[in-house]
Amino acid sequence: MTFIWTLRSRKGGLVGAAATAVAAAVILAGCASSGASGGDPSGSGGGSKNYNIVFIPKSLGNKYFQASDAGGKAAIQEFGGTYSESSGTTASATSQAPYIQTAIQQGVSAIVLAGNDPQAVCSDLQKAQAAGIKVVTFDSDTNCRDIFVNQVTVQAVADGLVKLVADHLGPAGGKIGIESGGPNATNLNAWINAIKKDLATQHPNIQIVDEVYGNDDDQDSYNAAQGLIQAHPDIKAIIAPDSVASKEAAHFLSDNPQYKGKIWLTGLGLPSELGDYVHSGVVEKFGVWNVDNLGYLAAYATKALIDGKITGKKGDKFTAGKLGTFKVGANGEVDLGPLLVIDKSNVDKFDF
């Protein structure tokens, strides 16, 4: 696969009413799928190790996590484990707690979680760790885990998105807005803070006038874009570092062609969701990483933890199937990378 260019300087999405632990157990049981080992009910896979791994994304029904979790499932099937997926339907701070509790009750070997909040579910995750369950976070970190599998470094995301906006606005600069997802999401807030620092130090002629949140919900994100533009009709660009926010901001702009050529949109998104908007000219360029590979890497990092090959110590190395060898960095972080820039030349080359 050929990409137009990548950014390596130092480049989503996202989704609950409270659910009971009983409901979580039903969902987990219904979603479980046997791995390549032929469905060993113990989840032990092809050997003595227990590779019974549950993925808990920010929310269910989000295409971003459907793609990432599909990558995780493929990896788990490769090494003969048992895969399951469970979460709430909205990305609230505590919506994942019942599913963590159910995973503990079921005695899984590992939880792979994209956090909606850095601290809200730490009590439950720590209980899981005390029970011998490995905890891996991916996409969005928490304050309590063994390993964090990051899509790309925070600074690379910020550098990439700021470059896209700065290249478009040129020396004149202008006012811009930010539309994000959940207000407590660790990854989104880290990216936004880094974007602010980049703009302040490198592009003081570009001013952020407002930040709005769509809560990783389609309608809320559409309304957030509408509110941002109506409150600040003189903005020249929007950065949406969240797949739902970018999709729905593009949706709003598409529904209101009077803004075409006046408000420029970029951010992080999925080619499958933004492709039509790219071809229609609503979106010129946006960023993403290989979402399938993010889940795939998280699964292999989990296996390495279960096998005792890594502990989260800086310098630990492990092999992640088709992706090759990875090294654990500072603070137990493993980076997938790189950020890919998507435009008309390559948007149709991706299947996520």
Foldseek 3Di string as FASTA:
>chain_A
DDFPDFFDPCAAAAFADADALVVLLVQQVVFKDWALQPCDVQQCFPDNFRLQEEEEELAPPDVLVVQQQVLLRVLCNVRGGMYGYTFHGFRDQCRRQSNLVNCQVVPHQEYEYQGSAQESNQVSLVVSVVSNHAYEYECFHHPHHFAYEYAADLLQHLVVLLVVQCVVVDLQAFEEEEEEERPRTRSRVSNVVSNVVCCVVPPVNHHYDYYHYQRSDQVSLLVRLVVVCVVPVQGQEYEYAHASNQLSNLVNCVVPVVCQVRYAYEHEHALVRCVVSQVVRSYFKYKYGNSSVRSQQRNQVSVCVSVVQDRLDFQRWDARPPLGMWTQHPPNYTYDDDMGMDHNVCSVVDDD
